[in-house]
Amino acid sequence: MKNPFFKYLILSILFILIAEIFKKAIHFDYLPFHSFSEQLISKQIENFIGFQKKRQWIGYVFIPVILLIKTMLIATILYIGLTFSDRELKFYRLWDAVIKAECIFLLVPVFKIIWFYFFQTSYSLKDIQNFYPLSALNIIEYKELQKWSIYPLQILNLFELTYIIYLAHQVGHLTNTNTDNGLKIVGYSYVHALLLWVITIMFFTRNYY
C-alpha cells in the first residue's frame, strides 16, 4: 500500500475503534457521576451524559481531523529540516513515514485500557486524564505537581522516544543514508518543534489555568 492517504484512513479508523473500546472498558460515560457528584446534582450529570451521547459523532470527526493536522504538520517540519541537508524528498514520502511512525501511539490507549481495567480499578476522571503509560509522570504523584509541569512529564515517555528513533530510521532509509543521519534531521526539525510546543503549552497552562 504505497498511497499514504489510505494508511491515514486506516490509522484514523483504528484510533476511533480503540477510543471506543477504551470508553467502554473504563465506563467513561459514568465517570462524571463520581467526579462531579459533589458539585452537581444527579439530574445535571444525567443531562450532561445525554448531551455527550448526542454529540458523540463529533468525536468521530475530531480524531481524523486532528490526526491529519498533526501528521501533515510533522511532515512539513521534516521537509523544512531537509533543507539543512543535501538530501531531497517528495513531501508525500515524508507524510507516509510520519503515518507509519504514528502507529506507535496506538499502543498508548491500549496500555491505558490494560492499566485501568486490571490494575488501577478505582479511578477518577482526573486519574485518567493525567495518566500516561511509561512516562516520567508515573514516577511522581501528579496531585503534588503544578498544572503547568504535568504536560512535559507526560511527553517525556518511551513511546515518544520510540517514535523519534523510528522516524529517524525512516528518514535515514528514505534519504539513502542511515539512522544517525536521520536522527540529525529529526533532531534539528521535529525535536526542536516539539520542545517549542511543550514550552508554549507550559506557558499558557501556567498563566491562564
N, C-alpha and C. Protein backbone atom coordinates (compact mmCIF):
# COMPACT_ATOMS: atom_id res chain seq x y z
N MET A 1 0.85 -1.19 0.00
CA MET A 1 0.00 0.00 0.00
C MET A 1 0.89 1.25 0.00
N LYS A 2 1.09 1.86 -1.18
CA LYS A 2 2.02 2.97 -1.31
C LYS A 2 1.35 4.32 -1.07
N ASN A 3 0.04 4.38 -1.21
CA ASN A 3 -0.65 5.65 -1.03
C ASN A 3 -0.80 5.97 0.44
N PRO A 4 -0.15 7.06 0.95
CA PRO A 4 -0.23 7.37 2.38
C PRO A 4 -1.63 7.76 2.84
N PHE A 5 -2.48 8.21 1.91
CA PHE A 5 -3.82 8.62 2.31
C PHE A 5 -4.63 7.44 2.81
N PHE A 6 -4.48 6.28 2.19
CA PHE A 6 -5.20 5.08 2.64
C PHE A 6 -4.67 4.62 4.00
N LYS A 7 -3.36 4.75 4.20
CA LYS A 7 -2.78 4.42 5.50
C LYS A 7 -3.32 5.37 6.57
N TYR A 8 -3.48 6.62 6.18
CA TYR A 8 -4.05 7.60 7.11
C TYR A 8 -5.49 7.25 7.48
N LEU A 9 -6.28 6.82 6.51
CA LEU A 9 -7.67 6.44 6.77
C LEU A 9 -7.74 5.22 7.70
N ILE A 10 -6.90 4.23 7.44
CA ILE A 10 -6.88 3.03 8.28
C ILE A 10 -6.45 3.39 9.70
N LEU A 11 -5.43 4.24 9.82
CA LEU A 11 -4.95 4.66 11.14
C LEU A 11 -6.04 5.42 11.90
N SER A 12 -6.79 6.27 11.20
CA SER A 12 -7.89 7.02 11.81
C SER A 12 -8.96 6.07 12.35
N ILE A 13 -9.31 5.07 11.54
CA ILE A 13 -10.32 4.09 11.96
C ILE A 13 -9.84 3.32 13.19
N LEU A 14 -8.57 2.94 13.21
CA LEU A 14 -8.02 2.21 14.35
C LEU A 14 -8.05 3.05 15.62
N PHE A 15 -7.71 4.33 15.50
CA PHE A 15 -7.75 5.23 16.65
C PHE A 15 -9.18 5.37 17.19
N ILE A 16 -10.14 5.47 16.27
CA ILE A 16 -11.55 5.60 16.67
C ILE A 16 -12.02 4.33 17.37
N LEU A 17 -11.69 3.17 16.81
CA LEU A 17 -12.10 1.88 17.40
C LEU A 17 -11.50 1.70 18.79
N ILE A 18 -10.21 1.99 18.93
CA ILE A 18 -9.57 1.83 20.24
C ILE A 18 -10.13 2.83 21.24
N ALA A 19 -10.46 4.04 20.77
CA ALA A 19 -11.06 5.04 21.66
C ALA A 19 -12.41 4.57 22.18
N GLU A 20 -13.19 3.93 21.32
CA GLU A 20 -14.49 3.40 21.73
C GLU A 20 -14.33 2.24 22.72
N ILE A 21 -13.37 1.36 22.44
CA ILE A 21 -13.10 0.25 23.36
C ILE A 21 -12.66 0.78 24.71
N PHE A 22 -11.84 1.82 24.69
CA PHE A 22 -11.36 2.44 25.92
C PHE A 22 -12.53 3.01 26.74
N LYS A 23 -13.44 3.70 26.07
CA LYS A 23 -14.59 4.28 26.76
C LYS A 23 -15.47 3.20 27.39
N LYS A 24 -15.66 2.10 26.67
CA LYS A 24 -16.49 1.01 27.19
C LYS A 24 -15.80 0.30 28.35
N ALA A 25 -14.48 0.09 28.20
CA ALA A 25 -13.74 -0.69 29.21
C ALA A 25 -13.66 0.02 30.55
N ILE A 26 -13.54 1.36 30.51
CA ILE A 26 -13.40 2.10 31.77
C ILE A 26 -14.71 2.75 32.20
N HIS A 27 -15.80 2.48 31.46
CA HIS A 27 -17.11 3.05 31.76
C HIS A 27 -17.04 4.59 31.81
N PHE A 28 -16.48 5.14 30.76
CA PHE A 28 -16.20 6.57 30.71
C PHE A 28 -17.45 7.43 30.87
N ASP A 29 -18.57 6.97 30.35
CA ASP A 29 -19.81 7.75 30.41
C ASP A 29 -20.31 7.95 31.83
N TYR A 30 -19.90 7.08 32.75
CA TYR A 30 -20.39 7.16 34.12
C TYR A 30 -19.41 7.84 35.07
N LEU A 31 -18.22 8.17 34.58
CA LEU A 31 -17.23 8.82 35.43
C LEU A 31 -17.68 10.17 35.98
N PRO A 32 -18.46 10.97 35.20
CA PRO A 32 -18.92 12.25 35.77
C PRO A 32 -19.73 12.09 37.05
N PHE A 33 -20.43 10.98 37.20
CA PHE A 33 -21.19 10.75 38.43
C PHE A 33 -20.26 10.75 39.65
N HIS A 34 -19.08 10.18 39.46
CA HIS A 34 -18.13 10.09 40.57
C HIS A 34 -17.29 11.36 40.70
N SER A 35 -16.93 11.95 39.57
CA SER A 35 -16.03 13.10 39.60
C SER A 35 -16.72 14.40 40.00
N PHE A 36 -18.00 14.55 39.60
CA PHE A 36 -18.70 15.81 39.86
C PHE A 36 -19.88 15.66 40.82
N SER A 37 -19.91 14.56 41.53
CA SER A 37 -21.05 14.29 42.40
C SER A 37 -21.24 15.35 43.49
N GLU A 38 -20.14 15.97 43.91
CA GLU A 38 -20.23 16.97 44.97
C GLU A 38 -20.63 18.34 44.43
N GLN A 39 -20.31 18.59 43.16
CA GLN A 39 -20.60 19.91 42.59
C GLN A 39 -21.95 19.96 41.87
N LEU A 40 -22.40 18.82 41.32
CA LEU A 40 -23.61 18.81 40.51
C LEU A 40 -24.62 17.81 41.08
N ILE A 41 -25.87 18.10 40.83
CA ILE A 41 -26.92 17.17 41.23
C ILE A 41 -27.02 16.07 40.18
N SER A 42 -27.67 14.96 40.54
CA SER A 42 -27.75 13.80 39.66
C SER A 42 -28.39 14.13 38.32
N LYS A 43 -29.43 14.98 38.34
CA LYS A 43 -30.13 15.33 37.11
C LYS A 43 -29.21 16.09 36.15
N GLN A 44 -28.38 16.96 36.69
CA GLN A 44 -27.46 17.73 35.86
C GLN A 44 -26.44 16.82 35.20
N ILE A 45 -25.94 15.83 35.94
CA ILE A 45 -24.96 14.91 35.39
C ILE A 45 -25.60 14.04 34.32
N GLU A 46 -26.85 13.61 34.53
CA GLU A 46 -27.56 12.81 33.53
C GLU A 46 -27.75 13.62 32.24
N ASN A 47 -28.08 14.89 32.38
CA ASN A 47 -28.24 15.75 31.21
C ASN A 47 -26.91 15.91 30.47
N PHE A 48 -25.83 16.02 31.26
CA PHE A 48 -24.50 16.17 30.68
C PHE A 48 -24.12 14.92 29.88
N ILE A 49 -24.39 13.74 30.45
CA ILE A 49 -24.08 12.48 29.76
C ILE A 49 -24.94 12.33 28.51
N GLY A 50 -26.21 12.72 28.61
CA GLY A 50 -27.10 12.67 27.45
C GLY A 50 -26.62 13.56 26.33
N PHE A 51 -26.14 14.74 26.71
CA PHE A 51 -25.59 15.68 25.71
C PHE A 51 -24.36 15.08 25.05
N GLN A 52 -23.50 14.42 25.84
CA GLN A 52 -22.30 13.79 25.30
C GLN A 52 -22.64 12.72 24.28
N LYS A 53 -23.65 11.89 24.58
CA LYS A 53 -24.02 10.81 23.68
C LYS A 53 -24.60 11.34 22.37
N LYS A 54 -25.36 12.45 22.46
CA LYS A 54 -25.94 13.03 21.25
C LYS A 54 -24.86 13.63 20.35
N ARG A 55 -23.79 14.11 20.97
CA ARG A 55 -22.71 14.76 20.20
C ARG A 55 -21.53 13.82 19.99
N GLN A 56 -21.77 12.53 20.15
CA GLN A 56 -20.69 11.54 20.05
C GLN A 56 -20.05 11.53 18.67
N TRP A 57 -20.84 11.87 17.65
CA TRP A 57 -20.34 11.85 16.28
C TRP A 57 -19.22 12.87 16.08
N ILE A 58 -19.22 13.93 16.92
CA ILE A 58 -18.17 14.94 16.80
C ILE A 58 -16.80 14.32 17.06
N GLY A 59 -16.75 13.38 18.02
CA GLY A 59 -15.50 12.70 18.33
C GLY A 59 -14.99 11.89 17.16
N TYR A 60 -15.92 11.30 16.39
CA TYR A 60 -15.53 10.51 15.23
C TYR A 60 -14.89 11.39 14.16
N VAL A 61 -15.32 12.63 14.08
CA VAL A 61 -14.75 13.58 13.12
C VAL A 61 -13.48 14.21 13.68
N PHE A 62 -13.49 14.48 14.97
CA PHE A 62 -12.38 15.17 15.63
C PHE A 62 -11.07 14.38 15.53
N ILE A 63 -11.13 13.06 15.74
CA ILE A 63 -9.93 12.23 15.74
C ILE A 63 -9.20 12.26 14.39
N PRO A 64 -9.88 11.97 13.27
CA PRO A 64 -9.15 12.02 11.98
C PRO A 64 -8.68 13.41 11.59
N VAL A 65 -9.44 14.45 11.98
CA VAL A 65 -9.02 15.82 11.66
C VAL A 65 -7.73 16.18 12.39
N ILE A 66 -7.70 15.89 13.70
CA ILE A 66 -6.50 16.16 14.50
C ILE A 66 -5.33 15.33 13.99
N LEU A 67 -5.59 14.06 13.65
CA LEU A 67 -4.54 13.19 13.14
C LEU A 67 -3.98 13.72 11.82
N LEU A 68 -4.86 14.21 10.95
CA LEU A 68 -4.42 14.76 9.66
C LEU A 68 -3.56 16.00 9.87
N ILE A 69 -4.03 16.90 10.75
CA ILE A 69 -3.27 18.13 11.02
C ILE A 69 -1.91 17.79 11.62
N LYS A 70 -1.90 16.87 12.58
CA LYS A 70 -0.64 16.51 13.26
C LYS A 70 0.36 15.90 12.29
N THR A 71 -0.07 14.89 11.52
CA THR A 71 0.87 14.21 10.62
C THR A 71 1.35 15.12 9.49
N MET A 72 0.46 15.95 8.97
CA MET A 72 0.86 16.88 7.91
C MET A 72 1.83 17.93 8.43
N LEU A 73 1.58 18.39 9.65
CA LEU A 73 2.45 19.40 10.26
C LEU A 73 3.84 18.84 10.52
N ILE A 74 3.91 17.61 11.06
CA ILE A 74 5.20 16.99 11.33
C ILE A 74 5.95 16.72 10.03
N ALA A 75 5.23 16.25 9.02
CA ALA A 75 5.85 16.02 7.71
C ALA A 75 6.40 17.32 7.13
N THR A 76 5.66 18.42 7.33
CA THR A 76 6.12 19.73 6.85
C THR A 76 7.39 20.16 7.60
N ILE A 77 7.41 19.94 8.90
CA ILE A 77 8.59 20.29 9.71
C ILE A 77 9.80 19.48 9.26
N LEU A 78 9.60 18.20 8.99
CA LEU A 78 10.70 17.36 8.50
C LEU A 78 11.15 17.81 7.12
N TYR A 79 10.19 18.19 6.28
CA TYR A 79 10.51 18.67 4.93
C TYR A 79 11.39 19.92 5.00
N ILE A 80 11.04 20.81 5.93
CA ILE A 80 11.85 22.01 6.14
C ILE A 80 13.23 21.63 6.68
N GLY A 81 13.24 20.62 7.59
CA GLY A 81 14.50 20.16 8.16
C GLY A 81 15.45 19.60 7.12
N LEU A 82 14.91 19.06 6.03
CA LEU A 82 15.75 18.51 4.97
C LEU A 82 16.50 19.59 4.20
N THR A 83 16.05 20.84 4.32
CA THR A 83 16.75 21.94 3.64
C THR A 83 18.13 22.18 4.25
N PHE A 84 18.32 21.69 5.47
CA PHE A 84 19.63 21.85 6.11
C PHE A 84 20.59 20.71 5.75
N SER A 85 20.13 19.80 4.90
CA SER A 85 20.99 18.72 4.43
C SER A 85 21.05 18.77 2.91
N ASP A 86 21.82 17.88 2.33
CA ASP A 86 21.95 17.85 0.87
C ASP A 86 21.01 16.83 0.24
N ARG A 87 19.97 16.45 1.00
CA ARG A 87 19.02 15.44 0.51
C ARG A 87 17.68 16.09 0.19
N GLU A 88 17.00 15.50 -0.79
CA GLU A 88 15.67 15.98 -1.16
C GLU A 88 14.70 14.79 -1.19
N LEU A 89 13.49 15.07 -0.72
CA LEU A 89 12.44 14.05 -0.73
C LEU A 89 11.11 14.69 -1.11
N LYS A 90 10.28 13.92 -1.74
CA LYS A 90 8.93 14.41 -2.02
C LYS A 90 8.13 14.39 -0.73
N PHE A 91 7.24 15.37 -0.62
CA PHE A 91 6.50 15.56 0.62
C PHE A 91 5.68 14.32 0.99
N TYR A 92 5.06 13.68 0.01
CA TYR A 92 4.17 12.55 0.32
C TYR A 92 4.94 11.38 0.93
N ARG A 93 6.23 11.25 0.61
CA ARG A 93 7.03 10.17 1.19
C ARG A 93 7.31 10.44 2.67
N LEU A 94 7.52 11.70 3.00
CA LEU A 94 7.70 12.06 4.41
C LEU A 94 6.40 11.88 5.18
N TRP A 95 5.29 12.25 4.56
CA TRP A 95 3.98 12.06 5.21
C TRP A 95 3.72 10.58 5.46
N ASP A 96 4.10 9.76 4.48
CA ASP A 96 3.94 8.32 4.62
C ASP A 96 4.76 7.80 5.81
N ALA A 97 5.98 8.30 5.96
CA ALA A 97 6.85 7.88 7.07
C ALA A 97 6.27 8.31 8.41
N VAL A 98 5.71 9.50 8.46
CA VAL A 98 5.12 10.02 9.70
C VAL A 98 3.90 9.19 10.10
N ILE A 99 3.08 8.82 9.11
CA ILE A 99 1.89 8.00 9.39
C ILE A 99 2.30 6.63 9.94
N LYS A 100 3.34 6.04 9.37
CA LYS A 100 3.84 4.76 9.88
C LYS A 100 4.30 4.90 11.34
N ALA A 101 5.04 5.98 11.61
CA ALA A 101 5.54 6.20 12.97
C ALA A 101 4.40 6.46 13.94
N GLU A 102 3.34 7.08 13.46
CA GLU A 102 2.20 7.42 14.33
C GLU A 102 1.51 6.17 14.86
N CYS A 103 1.69 5.05 14.19
CA CYS A 103 1.10 3.79 14.66
C CYS A 103 1.59 3.41 16.05
N ILE A 104 2.76 3.90 16.42
CA ILE A 104 3.31 3.62 17.75
C ILE A 104 2.37 4.11 18.84
N PHE A 105 1.72 5.25 18.61
CA PHE A 105 0.85 5.85 19.62
C PHE A 105 -0.48 5.12 19.76
N LEU A 106 -0.74 4.14 18.90
CA LEU A 106 -1.92 3.30 19.09
C LEU A 106 -1.79 2.48 20.37
N LEU A 107 -0.54 2.24 20.79
CA LEU A 107 -0.31 1.44 21.98
C LEU A 107 -0.65 2.19 23.27
N VAL A 108 -0.67 3.53 23.20
CA VAL A 108 -0.94 4.32 24.41
C VAL A 108 -2.32 4.01 25.00
N PRO A 109 -3.42 4.13 24.22
CA PRO A 109 -4.73 3.78 24.79
C PRO A 109 -4.85 2.30 25.14
N VAL A 110 -4.13 1.44 24.43
CA VAL A 110 -4.15 0.01 24.76
C VAL A 110 -3.55 -0.21 26.14
N PHE A 111 -2.42 0.44 26.42
CA PHE A 111 -1.80 0.35 27.74
C PHE A 111 -2.72 0.94 28.81
N LYS A 112 -3.43 2.01 28.47
CA LYS A 112 -4.36 2.62 29.43
C LYS A 112 -5.50 1.67 29.77
N ILE A 113 -6.03 1.01 28.76
CA ILE A 113 -7.11 0.04 28.98
C ILE A 113 -6.63 -1.06 29.93
N ILE A 114 -5.45 -1.61 29.65
CA ILE A 114 -4.90 -2.68 30.49
C ILE A 114 -4.69 -2.21 31.92
N TRP A 115 -4.17 -0.98 32.07
CA TRP A 115 -3.85 -0.47 33.40
C TRP A 115 -5.11 -0.26 34.24
N PHE A 116 -6.10 0.44 33.67
CA PHE A 116 -7.29 0.77 34.45
C PHE A 116 -8.28 -0.39 34.56
N TYR A 117 -8.18 -1.35 33.67
CA TYR A 117 -9.10 -2.50 33.73
C TYR A 117 -8.59 -3.57 34.68
N PHE A 118 -7.27 -3.77 34.72
CA PHE A 118 -6.71 -4.86 35.52
C PHE A 118 -5.99 -4.41 36.78
N PHE A 119 -5.39 -3.23 36.77
CA PHE A 119 -4.54 -2.83 37.89
C PHE A 119 -5.17 -1.73 38.76
N GLN A 120 -5.35 -0.56 38.22
CA GLN A 120 -5.97 0.53 38.99
C GLN A 120 -7.46 0.56 38.69
N THR A 121 -8.20 -0.30 39.37
CA THR A 121 -9.63 -0.45 39.09
C THR A 121 -10.48 0.63 39.74
N SER A 122 -9.89 1.36 40.68
CA SER A 122 -10.59 2.50 41.28
C SER A 122 -9.91 3.78 40.81
N TYR A 123 -10.64 4.60 40.07
CA TYR A 123 -10.03 5.78 39.46
C TYR A 123 -11.07 6.87 39.25
N SER A 124 -10.57 8.08 39.05
CA SER A 124 -11.42 9.23 38.79
C SER A 124 -11.13 9.76 37.39
N LEU A 125 -11.89 10.74 36.98
CA LEU A 125 -11.69 11.35 35.66
C LEU A 125 -10.30 11.98 35.57
N LYS A 126 -9.84 12.60 36.67
CA LYS A 126 -8.52 13.22 36.69
C LYS A 126 -7.41 12.18 36.57
N ASP A 127 -7.62 11.03 37.19
CA ASP A 127 -6.63 9.96 37.10
C ASP A 127 -6.42 9.55 35.64
N ILE A 128 -7.51 9.44 34.91
CA ILE A 128 -7.42 9.03 33.50
C ILE A 128 -6.80 10.12 32.65
N GLN A 129 -7.18 11.36 32.92
CA GLN A 129 -6.66 12.49 32.14
C GLN A 129 -5.15 12.67 32.34
N ASN A 130 -4.68 12.42 33.54
CA ASN A 130 -3.28 12.68 33.85
C ASN A 130 -2.37 11.46 33.70
N PHE A 131 -2.96 10.29 33.54
CA PHE A 131 -2.14 9.09 33.39
C PHE A 131 -1.62 8.96 31.97
N TYR A 132 -0.31 8.74 31.86
CA TYR A 132 0.30 8.45 30.56
C TYR A 132 1.28 7.31 30.77
N PRO A 133 1.02 6.16 30.15
CA PRO A 133 1.85 4.98 30.41
C PRO A 133 3.31 5.18 30.01
N LEU A 134 4.19 4.60 30.81
CA LEU A 134 5.64 4.62 30.55
C LEU A 134 6.20 6.03 30.41
N SER A 135 5.66 6.95 31.20
CA SER A 135 6.13 8.33 31.18
C SER A 135 6.76 8.71 32.51
N ALA A 136 7.46 9.85 32.51
CA ALA A 136 8.09 10.34 33.74
C ALA A 136 7.05 10.70 34.79
N LEU A 137 5.83 11.02 34.34
CA LEU A 137 4.77 11.40 35.27
C LEU A 137 4.38 10.24 36.18
N ASN A 138 4.57 9.01 35.70
CA ASN A 138 4.22 7.84 36.51
C ASN A 138 5.09 7.71 37.75
N ILE A 139 6.27 8.30 37.70
CA ILE A 139 7.20 8.20 38.83
C ILE A 139 6.80 9.14 39.95
N ILE A 140 6.11 10.24 39.58
CA ILE A 140 5.76 11.28 40.54
C ILE A 140 4.25 11.32 40.71
N GLU A 141 3.79 11.62 41.89
CA GLU A 141 2.35 11.78 42.15
C GLU A 141 1.88 13.09 41.55
N TYR A 142 0.98 13.00 40.54
CA TYR A 142 0.59 14.20 39.81
C TYR A 142 -0.16 15.21 40.69
N LYS A 143 -0.81 14.74 41.76
CA LYS A 143 -1.56 15.64 42.63
C LYS A 143 -0.66 16.62 43.37
N GLU A 144 0.61 16.29 43.48
CA GLU A 144 1.55 17.15 44.17
C GLU A 144 2.23 18.15 43.23
N LEU A 145 1.93 18.06 41.93
CA LEU A 145 2.60 18.90 40.95
C LEU A 145 1.76 20.11 40.57
N GLN A 146 2.43 21.15 40.09
CA GLN A 146 1.75 22.29 39.48
C GLN A 146 1.18 21.85 38.13
N LYS A 147 0.06 22.42 37.72
CA LYS A 147 -0.58 22.01 36.48
C LYS A 147 0.34 22.17 35.26
N TRP A 148 1.14 23.24 35.26
CA TRP A 148 1.98 23.51 34.10
C TRP A 148 3.10 22.48 33.91
N SER A 149 3.42 21.73 34.97
CA SER A 149 4.51 20.75 34.88
C SER A 149 4.04 19.36 34.48
N ILE A 150 2.73 19.14 34.43
CA ILE A 150 2.21 17.80 34.12
C ILE A 150 2.44 17.43 32.66
N TYR A 151 2.14 18.34 31.74
CA TYR A 151 2.24 18.02 30.31
C TYR A 151 3.66 17.63 29.88
N PRO A 152 4.70 18.41 30.24
CA PRO A 152 6.05 17.99 29.85
C PRO A 152 6.47 16.63 30.40
N LEU A 153 6.00 16.29 31.59
CA LEU A 153 6.31 14.98 32.16
C LEU A 153 5.56 13.86 31.44
N GLN A 154 4.39 14.19 30.88
CA GLN A 154 3.67 13.22 30.06
C GLN A 154 4.38 12.98 28.73
N ILE A 155 4.88 14.06 28.14
CA ILE A 155 5.58 13.96 26.86
C ILE A 155 6.87 13.17 26.98
N LEU A 156 7.49 13.23 28.16
CA LEU A 156 8.74 12.50 28.40
C LEU A 156 8.41 11.04 28.66
N ASN A 157 8.22 10.29 27.59
CA ASN A 157 7.80 8.89 27.71
C ASN A 157 8.50 8.01 26.68
N LEU A 158 8.43 6.70 26.88
CA LEU A 158 9.11 5.76 25.99
C LEU A 158 8.47 5.69 24.61
N PHE A 159 7.18 5.98 24.51
CA PHE A 159 6.51 5.97 23.21
C PHE A 159 7.06 7.09 22.33
N GLU A 160 7.23 8.27 22.93
CA GLU A 160 7.77 9.41 22.19
C GLU A 160 9.21 9.14 21.75
N LEU A 161 9.98 8.52 22.64
CA LEU A 161 11.37 8.18 22.30
C LEU A 161 11.42 7.17 21.15
N THR A 162 10.56 6.16 21.22
CA THR A 162 10.48 5.16 20.15
C THR A 162 10.04 5.80 18.85
N TYR A 163 9.10 6.74 18.94
CA TYR A 163 8.60 7.48 17.78
C TYR A 163 9.74 8.22 17.09
N ILE A 164 10.56 8.91 17.87
CA ILE A 164 11.67 9.70 17.32
C ILE A 164 12.70 8.79 16.65
N ILE A 165 13.03 7.67 17.31
CA ILE A 165 14.02 6.74 16.75
C ILE A 165 13.49 6.10 15.46
N TYR A 166 12.23 5.68 15.48
CA TYR A 166 11.65 5.06 14.29
C TYR A 166 11.56 6.06 13.14
N LEU A 167 11.17 7.30 13.46
CA LEU A 167 11.09 8.34 12.44
C LEU A 167 12.47 8.62 11.85
N ALA A 168 13.49 8.62 12.71
CA ALA A 168 14.87 8.82 12.25
C ALA A 168 15.29 7.68 11.32
N HIS A 169 14.89 6.46 11.68
CA HIS A 169 15.20 5.30 10.83
C HIS A 169 14.54 5.44 9.47
N GLN A 170 13.28 5.87 9.46
CA GLN A 170 12.56 6.04 8.20
C GLN A 170 13.19 7.13 7.34
N VAL A 171 13.54 8.25 7.96
CA VAL A 171 14.16 9.36 7.21
C VAL A 171 15.52 8.93 6.67
N GLY A 172 16.30 8.19 7.49
CA GLY A 172 17.59 7.70 7.03
C GLY A 172 17.44 6.76 5.84
N HIS A 173 16.41 5.91 5.89
CA HIS A 173 16.15 4.98 4.79
C HIS A 173 15.73 5.73 3.53
N LEU A 174 14.85 6.71 3.68
CA LEU A 174 14.34 7.45 2.53
C LEU A 174 15.42 8.31 1.87
N THR A 175 16.38 8.77 2.66
CA THR A 175 17.46 9.61 2.11
C THR A 175 18.67 8.78 1.69
N ASN A 176 18.51 7.45 1.74
CA ASN A 176 19.60 6.53 1.36
C ASN A 176 20.87 6.76 2.18
N THR A 177 20.69 7.08 3.46
CA THR A 177 21.85 7.26 4.33
C THR A 177 21.76 6.23 5.46
N ASN A 178 21.60 6.68 6.68
CA ASN A 178 21.48 5.77 7.82
C ASN A 178 20.67 6.42 8.92
N THR A 179 20.43 5.68 10.00
CA THR A 179 19.61 6.19 11.10
C THR A 179 20.26 7.38 11.79
N ASP A 180 21.60 7.38 11.88
CA ASP A 180 22.30 8.50 12.52
C ASP A 180 22.03 9.81 11.78
N ASN A 181 22.08 9.76 10.46
CA ASN A 181 21.79 10.95 9.67
C ASN A 181 20.32 11.33 9.81
N GLY A 182 19.44 10.32 9.83
CA GLY A 182 18.02 10.58 10.02
C GLY A 182 17.75 11.20 11.38
N LEU A 183 18.51 10.76 12.39
CA LEU A 183 18.34 11.30 13.74
C LEU A 183 18.74 12.77 13.80
N LYS A 184 19.76 13.14 13.04
CA LYS A 184 20.17 14.55 12.99
C LYS A 184 19.06 15.41 12.39
N ILE A 185 18.47 14.92 11.30
CA ILE A 185 17.40 15.66 10.63
C ILE A 185 16.18 15.78 11.54
N VAL A 186 15.80 14.65 12.15
CA VAL A 186 14.64 14.65 13.06
C VAL A 186 14.93 15.52 14.27
N GLY A 187 16.16 15.47 14.78
CA GLY A 187 16.53 16.27 15.95
C GLY A 187 16.47 17.76 15.67
N TYR A 188 17.01 18.16 14.52
CA TYR A 188 17.02 19.58 14.17
C TYR A 188 15.64 20.13 13.86
N SER A 189 14.76 19.26 13.40
CA SER A 189 13.43 19.72 12.98
C SER A 189 12.35 19.36 14.00
N TYR A 190 11.98 18.07 14.04
CA TYR A 190 10.85 17.65 14.88
C TYR A 190 11.09 17.87 16.37
N VAL A 191 12.27 17.46 16.87
CA VAL A 191 12.52 17.55 18.31
C VAL A 191 12.51 19.01 18.77
N HIS A 192 13.10 19.90 17.98
CA HIS A 192 13.09 21.32 18.34
C HIS A 192 11.66 21.88 18.31
N ALA A 193 10.89 21.46 17.32
CA ALA A 193 9.49 21.90 17.23
C ALA A 193 8.68 21.38 18.40
N LEU A 194 8.95 20.13 18.81
CA LEU A 194 8.26 19.54 19.95
C LEU A 194 8.58 20.29 21.23
N LEU A 195 9.84 20.64 21.43
CA LEU A 195 10.25 21.41 22.62
C LEU A 195 9.55 22.77 22.65
N LEU A 196 9.47 23.41 21.48
CA LEU A 196 8.78 24.70 21.40
C LEU A 196 7.30 24.56 21.74
N TRP A 197 6.69 23.48 21.26
CA TRP A 197 5.28 23.21 21.55
C TRP A 197 5.05 22.99 23.05
N VAL A 198 5.93 22.20 23.67
CA VAL A 198 5.81 21.91 25.10
C VAL A 198 5.97 23.19 25.92
N ILE A 199 6.93 24.01 25.57
CA ILE A 199 7.15 25.28 26.27
C ILE A 199 5.93 26.19 26.14
N THR A 200 5.33 26.20 24.94
CA THR A 200 4.14 27.02 24.71
C THR A 200 2.97 26.56 25.58
N ILE A 201 2.76 25.24 25.63
CA ILE A 201 1.68 24.68 26.47
C ILE A 201 1.93 25.00 27.93
N MET A 202 3.18 24.87 28.37
CA MET A 202 3.53 25.18 29.76
C MET A 202 3.24 26.64 30.08
N PHE A 203 3.57 27.52 29.15
CA PHE A 203 3.35 28.96 29.36
C PHE A 203 1.87 29.28 29.51
N PHE A 204 1.04 28.75 28.59
CA PHE A 204 -0.40 29.03 28.66
C PHE A 204 -1.03 28.38 29.86
N THR A 205 -0.59 27.17 30.23
CA THR A 205 -1.15 26.48 31.40
C THR A 205 -0.83 27.25 32.67
N ARG A 206 0.39 27.75 32.75
CA ARG A 206 0.82 28.45 33.95
C ARG A 206 0.15 29.81 34.10
N ASN A 207 -0.14 30.47 32.98
CA ASN A 207 -0.66 31.83 33.05
C ASN A 207 -2.17 31.95 32.92
N TYR A 208 -2.82 30.91 32.39
CA TYR A 208 -4.26 31.04 32.13
C TYR A 208 -5.10 29.95 32.79
N TYR A 209 -4.48 29.00 33.52
CA TYR A 209 -5.26 27.96 34.18
C TYR A 209 -4.90 27.87 35.65
